[in-house]
């Protein structure tokens, strides 16, 4: 899934008219839309789901909560600071200092205006999952259902209010239903596996239905600020059920990971964290060497992934603690 993040950030999925503020109303669904919004953008929701699932699959206590919080907080403080200094020096840190309470909230939620907003959202999901675990099952289902309904209609609220932050890609509300779903799956794993065909069919049907609904009703000009396309990135319930469907499939114990998959899984976090340091320079370098823009783009993606893995091995061995890299 980290590879999906790299491909998305480097524009490897292509662009349709949904990326044009002047022509998005003429947009028709294309293959690139499917790749971008239904494959590549699954990465972050999947990371959230897996993180909360693994955390709640074991006995949860104040001690384990504190340990997990510290782990994520280290990532949240280290990587945005490193990237900001890398791009703009210490002046870059001064430039993001908020001058109001609202500014502080925005800067925090966006992890200093970096791609590492994921860690902020993950901490918030950790906090909301902690009490959710202790609720009775029927209350959990009710709360989860309400969160999904809110997510479905949040884009409409955004269009009515004109407040684009409600459906911004960095808004933690996008990932609340995913966190609840992860808890429910971890607590009812055996029951779900016993009925996995039914669960898989329901999740696929809901994913398709909600996708059609989103492309019809969740498109608007209000979503362009801060992201550059006319449909919300993550304020879409279809992603929840696509993640759920994939997770049901990978829970199959007959599926064994080979060496390559294990290697990619080991360095998944490192790839996510390191690629922003490399992609601009590599894209500039390949643009000089290769005249064909498409070839240069995909060569840049492959080189960014390869160099990120290489740097991850070096940094993990010689410089950075394991908690920061893996």
C-alpha atoms as a PDB file:
ATOM      1  CA  UNK A   1       0.000   0.000   0.000  1.00  0.00           C
ATOM      2  CA  UNK A   2       2.942   2.368   0.555  1.00  0.00           C
ATOM      3  CA  UNK A   3       3.715   1.978  -3.136  1.00  0.00           C
ATOM      4  CA  UNK A   4       0.186   3.230  -3.853  1.00  0.00           C
ATOM      5  CA  UNK A   5       1.005   6.342  -1.801  1.00  0.00           C
ATOM      6  CA  UNK A   6       4.151   6.992  -3.857  1.00  0.00           C
ATOM      7  CA  UNK A   7       2.320   6.494  -7.155  1.00  0.00           C
ATOM      8  CA  UNK A   8      -0.470   8.855  -6.023  1.00  0.00           C
ATOM      9  CA  UNK A   9       1.882  11.604  -4.835  1.00  0.00           C
ATOM     10  CA  UNK A  10       3.884  11.438  -8.055  1.00  0.00           C
ATOM     11  CA  UNK A  11       0.825  11.489 -10.333  1.00  0.00           C
ATOM     12  CA  UNK A  12       1.245   7.966 -11.642  1.00  0.00           C
ATOM     13  CA  UNK A  13      -2.493   7.365 -11.870  1.00  0.00           C
ATOM     14  CA  UNK A  14      -3.006  10.010 -14.551  1.00  0.00           C
ATOM     15  CA  UNK A  15      -5.536  12.822 -14.514  1.00  0.00           C
ATOM     16  CA  UNK A  16      -9.043  13.149 -15.884  1.00  0.00           C
ATOM     17  CA  UNK A  17     -11.256  16.229 -16.093  1.00  0.00           C
ATOM     18  CA  UNK A  18     -12.084  15.782 -12.400  1.00  0.00           C
ATOM     19  CA  UNK A  19      -8.748  17.554 -11.809  1.00  0.00           C
ATOM     20  CA  UNK A  20      -9.786  20.576 -13.915  1.00  0.00           C
ATOM     21  CA  UNK A  21     -11.552  23.376 -12.057  1.00  0.00           C
ATOM     22  CA  UNK A  22     -12.834  24.742 -15.375  1.00  0.00           C
ATOM     23  CA  UNK A  23     -13.979  21.486 -16.972  1.00  0.00           C
ATOM     24  CA  UNK A  24     -14.875  19.138 -14.114  1.00  0.00           C
ATOM     25  CA  UNK A  25     -18.596  19.455 -14.953  1.00  0.00           C
ATOM     26  CA  UNK A  26     -17.840  17.763 -18.293  1.00  0.00           C
ATOM     27  CA  UNK A  27     -16.151  14.869 -16.518  1.00  0.00           C
ATOM     28  CA  UNK A  28     -17.080  11.254 -17.205  1.00  0.00           C
ATOM     29  CA  UNK A  29     -15.707   8.379 -15.154  1.00  0.00           C
ATOM     30  CA  UNK A  30     -12.458   7.011 -16.594  1.00  0.00           C
ATOM     31  CA  UNK A  31      -9.952   4.251 -15.904  1.00  0.00           C
ATOM     32  CA  UNK A  32      -7.618   6.793 -14.304  1.00  0.00           C
ATOM     33  CA  UNK A  33     -10.412   7.756 -11.891  1.00  0.00           C
ATOM     34  CA  UNK A  34     -10.741   4.144 -10.835  1.00  0.00           C
ATOM     35  CA  UNK A  35      -6.979   3.837 -10.376  1.00  0.00           C
ATOM     36  CA  UNK A  36      -6.646   7.128  -8.493  1.00  0.00           C
ATOM     37  CA  UNK A  37      -9.738   7.211  -6.303  1.00  0.00           C
ATOM     38  CA  UNK A  38     -10.564   3.542  -5.827  1.00  0.00           C
ATOM     39  CA  UNK A  39      -7.127   1.903  -5.765  1.00  0.00           C
ATOM     40  CA  UNK A  40      -4.365   4.365  -4.884  1.00  0.00           C
ATOM     41  CA  UNK A  41      -6.403   6.244  -2.290  1.00  0.00           C
ATOM     42  CA  UNK A  42      -7.160   2.996  -0.479  1.00  0.00           C
ATOM     43  CA  UNK A  43      -3.684   3.135   1.051  1.00  0.00           C
ATOM     44  CA  UNK A  44      -4.259   5.538   3.952  1.00  0.00           C
ATOM     45  CA  UNK A  45      -7.636   4.040   5.028  1.00  0.00           C
ATOM     46  CA  UNK A  46      -6.000   0.613   4.892  1.00  0.00           C
ATOM     47  CA  UNK A  47      -3.123   1.769   7.096  1.00  0.00           C
ATOM     48  CA  UNK A  48      -5.608   3.177   9.617  1.00  0.00           C
ATOM     49  CA  UNK A  49      -7.695  -0.003   9.568  1.00  0.00           C
ATOM     50  CA  UNK A  50      -4.716  -2.343   9.982  1.00  0.00           C
ATOM     51  CA  UNK A  51      -3.134  -0.215  12.729  1.00  0.00           C
ATOM     52  CA  UNK A  52      -6.305  -0.113  14.823  1.00  0.00           C
ATOM     53  CA  UNK A  53      -7.068  -3.778  14.100  1.00  0.00           C
ATOM     54  CA  UNK A  54      -3.634  -4.910  15.289  1.00  0.00           C
ATOM     55  CA  UNK A  55      -3.816  -2.657  18.340  1.00  0.00           C
ATOM     56  CA  UNK A  56      -7.258  -3.906  19.431  1.00  0.00           C
ATOM     57  CA  UNK A  57      -6.591  -7.564  18.589  1.00  0.00           C
ATOM     58  CA  UNK A  58      -4.489  -7.795  21.747  1.00  0.00           C
ATOM     59  CA  UNK A  59      -5.590  -7.032  25.312  1.00  0.00           C
ATOM     60  CA  UNK A  60      -5.935  -3.247  25.571  1.00  0.00           C
ATOM     61  CA  UNK A  61      -4.936  -1.420  28.735  1.00  0.00           C
ATOM     62  CA  UNK A  62      -3.761   2.023  29.746  1.00  0.00           C
ATOM     63  CA  UNK A  63      -0.191   0.723  29.439  1.00  0.00           C
ATOM     64  CA  UNK A  64      -0.599  -0.543  25.870  1.00  0.00           C
ATOM     65  CA  UNK A  65      -2.481   2.638  24.958  1.00  0.00           C
ATOM     66  CA  UNK A  66       0.360   4.800  26.298  1.00  0.00           C
ATOM     67  CA  UNK A  67       2.937   2.710  24.463  1.00  0.00           C
ATOM     68  CA  UNK A  68       1.069   2.981  21.163  1.00  0.00           C
ATOM     69  CA  UNK A  69       0.488   6.709  21.621  1.00  0.00           C
ATOM     70  CA  UNK A  70       4.186   7.367  22.261  1.00  0.00           C
ATOM     71  CA  UNK A  71       5.093   5.287  19.214  1.00  0.00           C
ATOM     72  CA  UNK A  72       2.863   7.322  16.894  1.00  0.00           C
ATOM     73  CA  UNK A  73       3.753  10.629  18.566  1.00  0.00           C
ATOM     74  CA  UNK A  74       7.452  10.017  17.848  1.00  0.00           C
ATOM     75  CA  UNK A  75       6.618   9.503  14.182  1.00  0.00           C
ATOM     76  CA  UNK A  76       4.408  12.619  14.153  1.00  0.00           C
ATOM     77  CA  UNK A  77       7.074  14.874  15.635  1.00  0.00           C
ATOM     78  CA  UNK A  78      10.144  13.469  13.865  1.00  0.00           C
ATOM     79  CA  UNK A  79       9.114  13.169  10.226  1.00  0.00           C
ATOM     80  CA  UNK A  80       7.265  16.482   9.670  1.00  0.00           C
ATOM     81  CA  UNK A  81      10.100  18.349  11.412  1.00  0.00           C
ATOM     82  CA  UNK A  82      12.717  16.567   9.314  1.00  0.00           C
ATOM     83  CA  UNK A  83      10.864  17.238   6.037  1.00  0.00           C
ATOM     84  CA  UNK A  84      10.194  20.905   6.825  1.00  0.00           C
ATOM     85  CA  UNK A  85      13.857  21.500   7.713  1.00  0.00           C
ATOM     86  CA  UNK A  86      14.936  19.557   4.614  1.00  0.00           C
ATOM     87  CA  UNK A  87      12.784  21.718   2.327  1.00  0.00           C
ATOM     88  CA  UNK A  88      13.089  25.119   3.997  1.00  0.00           C
ATOM     89  CA  UNK A  89      15.651  24.983   6.782  1.00  0.00           C
ATOM     90  CA  UNK A  90      14.841  26.328  10.203  1.00  0.00           C
ATOM     91  CA  UNK A  91      13.062  29.227   8.516  1.00  0.00           C
ATOM     92  CA  UNK A  92      10.574  26.664   7.311  1.00  0.00           C
ATOM     93  CA  UNK A  93       9.747  25.774  10.899  1.00  0.00           C
ATOM     94  CA  UNK A  94       9.239  29.443  11.747  1.00  0.00           C
ATOM     95  CA  UNK A  95       6.985  29.873   8.711  1.00  0.00           C
ATOM     96  CA  UNK A  96       4.461  27.286   9.922  1.00  0.00           C
ATOM     97  CA  UNK A  97       4.132  28.719  13.431  1.00  0.00           C
ATOM     98  CA  UNK A  98       0.390  29.464  13.886  1.00  0.00           C
ATOM     99  CA  UNK A  99      -0.764  32.914  14.973  1.00  0.00           C
ATOM    100  CA  UNK A 100      -4.202  31.864  16.235  1.00  0.00           C
ATOM    101  CA  UNK A 101      -6.003  28.950  17.852  1.00  0.00           C
ATOM    102  CA  UNK A 102      -7.620  28.003  14.551  1.00  0.00           C
ATOM    103  CA  UNK A 103      -4.237  28.164  12.869  1.00  0.00           C
ATOM    104  CA  UNK A 104      -2.779  25.891  15.533  1.00  0.00           C
ATOM    105  CA  UNK A 105      -5.546  23.338  15.004  1.00  0.00           C
ATOM    106  CA  UNK A 106      -5.086  23.400  11.226  1.00  0.00           C
ATOM    107  CA  UNK A 107      -1.320  23.101  11.474  1.00  0.00           C
ATOM    108  CA  UNK A 108      -1.609  20.206  13.917  1.00  0.00           C
ATOM    109  CA  UNK A 109      -4.196  18.296  11.885  1.00  0.00           C
ATOM    110  CA  UNK A 110      -2.073  18.740   8.761  1.00  0.00           C
ATOM    111  CA  UNK A 111       1.166  17.822  10.562  1.00  0.00           C
ATOM    112  CA  UNK A 112       2.813  21.111   9.639  1.00  0.00           C
ATOM    113  CA  UNK A 113       1.294  21.058   6.135  1.00  0.00           C
ATOM    114  CA  UNK A 114       3.080  17.812   5.241  1.00  0.00           C
ATOM    115  CA  UNK A 115       1.927  14.405   4.028  1.00  0.00           C
ATOM    116  CA  UNK A 116       2.370  13.097   7.555  1.00  0.00           C
ATOM    117  CA  UNK A 117      -1.150  14.190   8.547  1.00  0.00           C
ATOM    118  CA  UNK A 118      -1.714  10.429   8.605  1.00  0.00           C
ATOM    119  CA  UNK A 119      -0.012  10.232  12.006  1.00  0.00           C
ATOM    120  CA  UNK A 120      -2.250  12.958  13.460  1.00  0.00           C
ATOM    121  CA  UNK A 121      -5.340  11.136  12.245  1.00  0.00           C
ATOM    122  CA  UNK A 122      -3.986   7.849  13.574  1.00  0.00           C
ATOM    123  CA  UNK A 123      -3.506   9.309  17.058  1.00  0.00           C
ATOM    124  CA  UNK A 124      -7.071  10.643  17.039  1.00  0.00           C
ATOM    125  CA  UNK A 125      -8.347   7.258  15.848  1.00  0.00           C
ATOM    126  CA  UNK A 126      -6.408   5.632  18.664  1.00  0.00           C
ATOM    127  CA  UNK A 127      -8.097   7.906  21.205  1.00  0.00           C
ATOM    128  CA  UNK A 128     -11.620   7.257  19.924  1.00  0.00           C
ATOM    129  CA  UNK A 129     -11.033   3.509  19.640  1.00  0.00           C
ATOM    130  CA  UNK A 130      -9.982   3.189  23.279  1.00  0.00           C
ATOM    131  CA  UNK A 131     -13.462   3.858  24.771  1.00  0.00           C
ATOM    132  CA  UNK A 132     -15.241   2.296  21.784  1.00  0.00           C
ATOM    133  CA  UNK A 133     -13.700  -1.089  22.637  1.00  0.00           C
ATOM    134  CA  UNK A 134     -15.514  -1.147  25.968  1.00  0.00           C
ATOM    135  CA  UNK A 135     -18.988  -0.450  24.633  1.00  0.00           C
ATOM    136  CA  UNK A 136     -21.602  -3.183  24.317  1.00  0.00           C
ATOM    137  CA  UNK A 137     -21.833  -4.648  20.837  1.00  0.00           C
ATOM    138  CA  UNK A 138     -25.263  -3.218  19.965  1.00  0.00           C
ATOM    139  CA  UNK A 139     -24.068   0.262  20.962  1.00  0.00           C
ATOM    140  CA  UNK A 140     -20.882  -0.214  18.943  1.00  0.00           C
ATOM    141  CA  UNK A 141     -22.927  -1.091  15.860  1.00  0.00           C
ATOM    142  CA  UNK A 142     -25.179   1.913  16.383  1.00  0.00           C
ATOM    143  CA  UNK A 143     -22.218   4.303  16.794  1.00  0.00           C
ATOM    144  CA  UNK A 144     -20.468   2.788  13.781  1.00  0.00           C
ATOM    145  CA  UNK A 145     -23.601   3.108  11.632  1.00  0.00           C
ATOM    146  CA  UNK A 146     -24.030   6.764  12.625  1.00  0.00           C
ATOM    147  CA  UNK A 147     -20.408   7.484  11.724  1.00  0.00           C
ATOM    148  CA  UNK A 148     -20.853   5.905   8.287  1.00  0.00           C
ATOM    149  CA  UNK A 149     -24.029   7.916   7.638  1.00  0.00           C
ATOM    150  CA  UNK A 150     -22.219  11.098   8.664  1.00  0.00           C
ATOM    151  CA  UNK A 151     -19.363  10.276   6.287  1.00  0.00           C
ATOM    152  CA  UNK A 152     -21.792   9.672   3.425  1.00  0.00           C
ATOM    153  CA  UNK A 153     -23.481  13.049   3.825  1.00  0.00           C
ATOM    154  CA  UNK A 154     -20.460  15.098   4.913  1.00  0.00           C
ATOM    155  CA  UNK A 155     -19.618  16.110   1.313  1.00  0.00           C
ATOM    156  CA  UNK A 156     -23.155  17.489   0.955  1.00  0.00           C
ATOM    157  CA  UNK A 157     -22.735  19.494   4.171  1.00  0.00           C
ATOM    158  CA  UNK A 158     -19.457  20.770   2.740  1.00  0.00           C
ATOM    159  CA  UNK A 159     -21.164  21.965  -0.434  1.00  0.00           C
ATOM    160  CA  UNK A 160     -23.977  23.607   1.535  1.00  0.00           C
ATOM    161  CA  UNK A 161     -21.639  25.452   3.907  1.00  0.00           C
ATOM    162  CA  UNK A 162     -18.752  26.081   1.522  1.00  0.00           C
ATOM    163  CA  UNK A 163     -16.404  25.035   4.344  1.00  0.00           C
ATOM    164  CA  UNK A 164     -14.055  22.753   2.413  1.00  0.00           C
ATOM    165  CA  UNK A 165     -12.198  21.612   5.545  1.00  0.00           C
ATOM    166  CA  UNK A 166     -15.165  19.388   6.448  1.00  0.00           C
ATOM    167  CA  UNK A 167     -14.184  17.103   3.572  1.00  0.00           C
ATOM    168  CA  UNK A 168     -10.466  17.846   3.371  1.00  0.00           C
ATOM    169  CA  UNK A 169      -8.171  14.884   2.881  1.00  0.00           C
ATOM    170  CA  UNK A 170      -6.509  15.573   6.263  1.00  0.00           C
ATOM    171  CA  UNK A 171      -9.749  15.740   8.266  1.00  0.00           C
ATOM    172  CA  UNK A 172      -9.681  12.939  10.896  1.00  0.00           C
ATOM    173  CA  UNK A 173     -13.468  12.552  10.554  1.00  0.00           C
ATOM    174  CA  UNK A 174     -12.725  10.649   7.343  1.00  0.00           C
ATOM    175  CA  UNK A 175     -11.155   7.822   9.311  1.00  0.00           C
ATOM    176  CA  UNK A 176     -13.460   7.544  12.334  1.00  0.00           C
ATOM    177  CA  UNK A 177     -15.756   4.894  10.739  1.00  0.00           C
ATOM    178  CA  UNK A 178     -12.688   2.946   9.624  1.00  0.00           C
ATOM    179  CA  UNK A 179     -11.415   2.865  13.203  1.00  0.00           C
ATOM    180  CA  UNK A 180     -14.772   1.634  14.486  1.00  0.00           C
ATOM    181  CA  UNK A 181     -14.886  -1.003  11.747  1.00  0.00           C
ATOM    182  CA  UNK A 182     -11.395  -2.211  12.681  1.00  0.00           C
ATOM    183  CA  UNK A 183     -12.453  -2.638  16.310  1.00  0.00           C
ATOM    184  CA  UNK A 184     -15.597  -4.537  15.320  1.00  0.00           C
ATOM    185  CA  UNK A 185     -13.612  -6.827  13.033  1.00  0.00           C
ATOM    186  CA  UNK A 186     -10.955  -7.520  15.691  1.00  0.00           C
ATOM    187  CA  UNK A 187     -13.630  -8.372  18.276  1.00  0.00           C
ATOM    188  CA  UNK A 188     -15.733 -10.480  15.895  1.00  0.00           C
ATOM    189  CA  UNK A 189     -13.027 -11.944  13.680  1.00  0.00           C
ATOM    190  CA  UNK A 190     -14.081 -15.586  14.012  1.00  0.00           C
ATOM    191  CA  UNK A 191     -17.739 -14.857  13.308  1.00  0.00           C
ATOM    192  CA  UNK A 192     -16.798 -12.828  10.229  1.00  0.00           C
ATOM    193  CA  UNK A 193     -14.539 -15.600   8.930  1.00  0.00           C
ATOM    194  CA  UNK A 194     -17.330 -18.142   9.402  1.00  0.00           C
ATOM    195  CA  UNK A 195     -19.546 -15.957   7.192  1.00  0.00           C
ATOM    196  CA  UNK A 196     -16.827 -14.433   5.010  1.00  0.00           C
ATOM    197  CA  UNK A 197     -18.631 -15.050   1.698  1.00  0.00           C
ATOM    198  CA  UNK A 198     -21.696 -13.145   2.888  1.00  0.00           C
ATOM    199  CA  UNK A 199     -19.559 -10.398   4.446  1.00  0.00           C
ATOM    200  CA  UNK A 200     -17.490 -10.112   1.262  1.00  0.00           C
ATOM    201  CA  UNK A 201     -20.563  -9.895  -0.988  1.00  0.00           C
ATOM    202  CA  UNK A 202     -22.211  -7.268   1.229  1.00  0.00           C
ATOM    203  CA  UNK A 203     -19.057  -5.151   1.377  1.00  0.00           C
ATOM    204  CA  UNK A 204     -18.536  -5.304  -2.414  1.00  0.00           C
ATOM    205  CA  UNK A 205     -22.169  -4.401  -3.127  1.00  0.00           C
ATOM    206  CA  UNK A 206     -22.027  -1.486  -0.676  1.00  0.00           C
ATOM    207  CA  UNK A 207     -18.719  -0.340  -2.153  1.00  0.00           C
ATOM    208  CA  UNK A 208     -20.148  -0.288  -5.683  1.00  0.00           C
ATOM    209  CA  UNK A 209     -23.404   1.364  -4.647  1.00  0.00           C
ATOM    210  CA  UNK A 210     -21.666   4.053  -2.596  1.00  0.00           C
ATOM    211  CA  UNK A 211     -19.111   4.683  -5.346  1.00  0.00           C
ATOM    212  CA  UNK A 212     -21.899   5.393  -7.826  1.00  0.00           C
ATOM    213  CA  UNK A 213     -23.587   7.620  -5.246  1.00  0.00           C
ATOM    214  CA  UNK A 214     -20.347   9.548  -4.605  1.00  0.00           C
ATOM    215  CA  UNK A 215     -19.543  10.196  -8.242  1.00  0.00           C
ATOM    216  CA  UNK A 216     -23.081  11.456  -8.756  1.00  0.00           C
ATOM    217  CA  UNK A 217     -23.612  13.556  -5.637  1.00  0.00           C
ATOM    218  CA  UNK A 218     -20.205  14.214  -4.024  1.00  0.00           C
ATOM    219  CA  UNK A 219     -18.608  16.227  -6.821  1.00  0.00           C
ATOM    220  CA  UNK A 220     -18.253  19.980  -6.530  1.00  0.00           C
ATOM    221  CA  UNK A 221     -16.012  23.007  -6.921  1.00  0.00           C
ATOM    222  CA  UNK A 222     -15.767  23.445  -3.149  1.00  0.00           C
ATOM    223  CA  UNK A 223     -13.411  20.457  -2.928  1.00  0.00           C
ATOM    224  CA  UNK A 224     -10.652  21.995  -5.095  1.00  0.00           C
ATOM    225  CA  UNK A 225      -8.969  24.142  -2.386  1.00  0.00           C
ATOM    226  CA  UNK A 226      -6.146  22.253  -0.765  1.00  0.00           C
ATOM    227  CA  UNK A 227      -6.333  19.191  -3.016  1.00  0.00           C
ATOM    228  CA  UNK A 228      -6.894  20.137  -6.666  1.00  0.00           C
ATOM    229  CA  UNK A 229      -9.772  17.866  -7.702  1.00  0.00           C
ATOM    230  CA  UNK A 230     -13.558  17.985  -7.512  1.00  0.00           C
ATOM    231  CA  UNK A 231     -14.310  14.942  -5.375  1.00  0.00           C
ATOM    232  CA  UNK A 232     -13.219  14.339  -1.779  1.00  0.00           C
ATOM    233  CA  UNK A 233     -10.200  12.103  -1.376  1.00  0.00           C
ATOM    234  CA  UNK A 234     -11.248  10.257   1.769  1.00  0.00           C
ATOM    235  CA  UNK A 235     -14.688  11.592   2.685  1.00  0.00           C
ATOM    236  CA  UNK A 236     -16.160   8.604   0.878  1.00  0.00           C
ATOM    237  CA  UNK A 237     -17.710   5.604   2.595  1.00  0.00           C
ATOM    238  CA  UNK A 238     -16.996   3.408  -0.442  1.00  0.00           C
ATOM    239  CA  UNK A 239     -13.340   3.266   0.611  1.00  0.00           C
ATOM    240  CA  UNK A 240     -14.330   1.817   3.981  1.00  0.00           C
ATOM    241  CA  UNK A 241     -16.115  -1.125   2.412  1.00  0.00           C
ATOM    242  CA  UNK A 242     -13.409  -1.703  -0.202  1.00  0.00           C
ATOM    243  CA  UNK A 243     -10.828  -1.883   2.611  1.00  0.00           C
ATOM    244  CA  UNK A 244     -13.123  -4.231   4.514  1.00  0.00           C
ATOM    245  CA  UNK A 245     -13.492  -6.480   1.453  1.00  0.00           C
ATOM    246  CA  UNK A 246      -9.743  -6.686   0.906  1.00  0.00           C
ATOM    247  CA  UNK A 247      -9.133  -7.352   4.583  1.00  0.00           C
ATOM    248  CA  UNK A 248     -11.551 -10.287   4.537  1.00  0.00           C
ATOM    249  CA  UNK A 249      -9.582 -11.749   1.635  1.00  0.00           C
ATOM    250  CA  UNK A 250      -6.170 -11.367   3.270  1.00  0.00           C
ATOM    251  CA  UNK A 251      -7.419 -12.972   6.494  1.00  0.00           C
ATOM    252  CA  UNK A 252      -7.427 -16.230   4.547  1.00  0.00           C
ATOM    253  CA  UNK A 253      -4.776 -18.345   6.297  1.00  0.00           C
ATOM    254  CA  UNK A 254      -4.104 -20.271   3.077  1.00  0.00           C
ATOM    255  CA  UNK A 255      -2.506 -17.178   1.547  1.00  0.00           C
ATOM    256  CA  UNK A 256       1.221 -17.180   2.327  1.00  0.00           C
ATOM    257  CA  UNK A 257       3.431 -14.138   1.786  1.00  0.00           C
ATOM    258  CA  UNK A 258       6.607 -14.683  -0.230  1.00  0.00           C
ATOM    259  CA  UNK A 259       9.967 -13.058   0.492  1.00  0.00           C
ATOM    260  CA  UNK A 260       9.293  -9.989  -1.643  1.00  0.00           C
ATOM    261  CA  UNK A 261       5.969  -9.278   0.077  1.00  0.00           C
ATOM    262  CA  UNK A 262       7.566  -9.720   3.506  1.00  0.00           C
ATOM    263  CA  UNK A 263      10.350  -7.302   2.543  1.00  0.00           C
ATOM    264  CA  UNK A 264       7.858  -4.710   1.296  1.00  0.00           C
ATOM    265  CA  UNK A 265       5.781  -5.112   4.455  1.00  0.00           C
ATOM    266  CA  UNK A 266       8.865  -4.668   6.642  1.00  0.00           C
ATOM    267  CA  UNK A 267       9.795  -1.386   4.961  1.00  0.00           C
ATOM    268  CA  UNK A 268       6.271  -0.145   4.248  1.00  0.00           C
ATOM    269  CA  UNK A 269       6.380   2.619   6.855  1.00  0.00           C
ATOM    270  CA  UNK A 270       9.896   3.591   5.807  1.00  0.00           C
ATOM    271  CA  UNK A 271       8.810   3.972   2.177  1.00  0.00           C
ATOM    272  CA  UNK A 272       5.889   6.169   3.231  1.00  0.00           C
ATOM    273  CA  UNK A 273       8.133   8.360   5.374  1.00  0.00           C
ATOM    274  CA  UNK A 274      11.152   8.649   3.070  1.00  0.00           C
ATOM    275  CA  UNK A 275       9.724   9.152  -0.422  1.00  0.00           C
ATOM    276  CA  UNK A 276       8.832  12.875   0.049  1.00  0.00           C
ATOM    277  CA  UNK A 277      12.549  13.583   0.514  1.00  0.00           C
ATOM    278  CA  UNK A 278      13.415  12.015  -2.834  1.00  0.00           C
ATOM    279  CA  UNK A 279      10.622  12.345  -5.366  1.00  0.00           C
ATOM    280  CA  UNK A 280      11.133  15.974  -6.502  1.00  0.00           C
ATOM    281  CA  UNK A 281      14.861  15.556  -7.061  1.00  0.00           C
ATOM    282  CA  UNK A 282      14.449  12.237  -8.853  1.00  0.00           C
ATOM    283  CA  UNK A 283      11.671  13.618 -11.078  1.00  0.00           C
ATOM    284  CA  UNK A 284      13.883  16.574 -11.999  1.00  0.00           C
ATOM    285  CA  UNK A 285      16.822  14.293 -12.746  1.00  0.00           C
ATOM    286  CA  UNK A 286      14.864  11.869 -14.944  1.00  0.00           C
ATOM    287  CA  UNK A 287      13.210  14.752 -16.812  1.00  0.00           C
ATOM    288  CA  UNK A 288      16.662  15.798 -17.978  1.00  0.00           C
ATOM    289  CA  UNK A 289      17.721  12.296 -19.020  1.00  0.00           C
ATOM    290  CA  UNK A 290      14.452  11.102 -20.578  1.00  0.00           C
ATOM    291  CA  UNK A 291      12.509  13.239 -23.046  1.00  0.00           C
ATOM    292  CA  UNK A 292       9.338  11.163 -23.050  1.00  0.00           C
ATOM    293  CA  UNK A 293       7.261  12.505 -20.140  1.00  0.00           C
ATOM    294  CA  UNK A 294       5.375   9.274 -19.481  1.00  0.00           C
ATOM    295  CA  UNK A 295       8.532   7.166 -19.467  1.00  0.00           C
ATOM    296  CA  UNK A 296      10.255   9.744 -17.249  1.00  0.00           C
ATOM    297  CA  UNK A 297       7.337   9.726 -14.810  1.00  0.00           C
ATOM    298  CA  UNK A 298       7.238   5.977 -14.276  1.00  0.00           C
ATOM    299  CA  UNK A 299      11.002   5.742 -14.192  1.00  0.00           C
ATOM    300  CA  UNK A 300      10.919   8.387 -11.455  1.00  0.00           C
ATOM    301  CA  UNK A 301       8.375   6.360  -9.489  1.00  0.00           C
ATOM    302  CA  UNK A 302      10.469   3.190  -9.704  1.00  0.00           C
ATOM    303  CA  UNK A 303      13.665   5.035  -8.740  1.00  0.00           C
ATOM    304  CA  UNK A 304      11.931   6.767  -5.824  1.00  0.00           C
ATOM    305  CA  UNK A 305      10.701   3.433  -4.479  1.00  0.00           C
ATOM    306  CA  UNK A 306      14.101   1.762  -4.978  1.00  0.00           C
ATOM    307  CA  UNK A 307      16.095   4.587  -3.355  1.00  0.00           C
ATOM    308  CA  UNK A 308      13.605   4.804  -0.479  1.00  0.00           C
ATOM    309  CA  UNK A 309      14.065   1.110   0.281  1.00  0.00           C
ATOM    310  CA  UNK A 310      17.849   1.490   0.040  1.00  0.00           C
ATOM    311  CA  UNK A 311      17.880   4.499   2.357  1.00  0.00           C
ATOM    312  CA  UNK A 312      15.561   2.703   4.778  1.00  0.00           C
ATOM    313  CA  UNK A 313      18.011  -0.169   5.153  1.00  0.00           C
ATOM    314  CA  UNK A 314      20.958   2.176   5.658  1.00  0.00           C
ATOM    315  CA  UNK A 315      19.239   4.543   8.072  1.00  0.00           C
ATOM    316  CA  UNK A 316      17.683   1.754  10.090  1.00  0.00           C
ATOM    317  CA  UNK A 317      21.063   0.033  10.443  1.00  0.00           C
ATOM    318  CA  UNK A 318      23.309   2.988  11.148  1.00  0.00           C
ATOM    319  CA  UNK A 319      21.358   6.067  12.243  1.00  0.00           C
ATOM    320  CA  UNK A 320      17.720   5.897  13.212  1.00  0.00           C
ATOM    321  CA  UNK A 321      16.043   3.894  15.921  1.00  0.00           C
ATOM    322  CA  UNK A 322      13.665   1.168  14.859  1.00  0.00           C
ATOM    323  CA  UNK A 323      10.668   3.104  16.248  1.00  0.00           C
ATOM    324  CA  UNK A 324      11.233   5.856  13.681  1.00  0.00           C
ATOM    325  CA  UNK A 325      11.683   3.628  10.667  1.00  0.00           C
ATOM    326  CA  UNK A 326       9.618   0.448  10.985  1.00  0.00           C
END
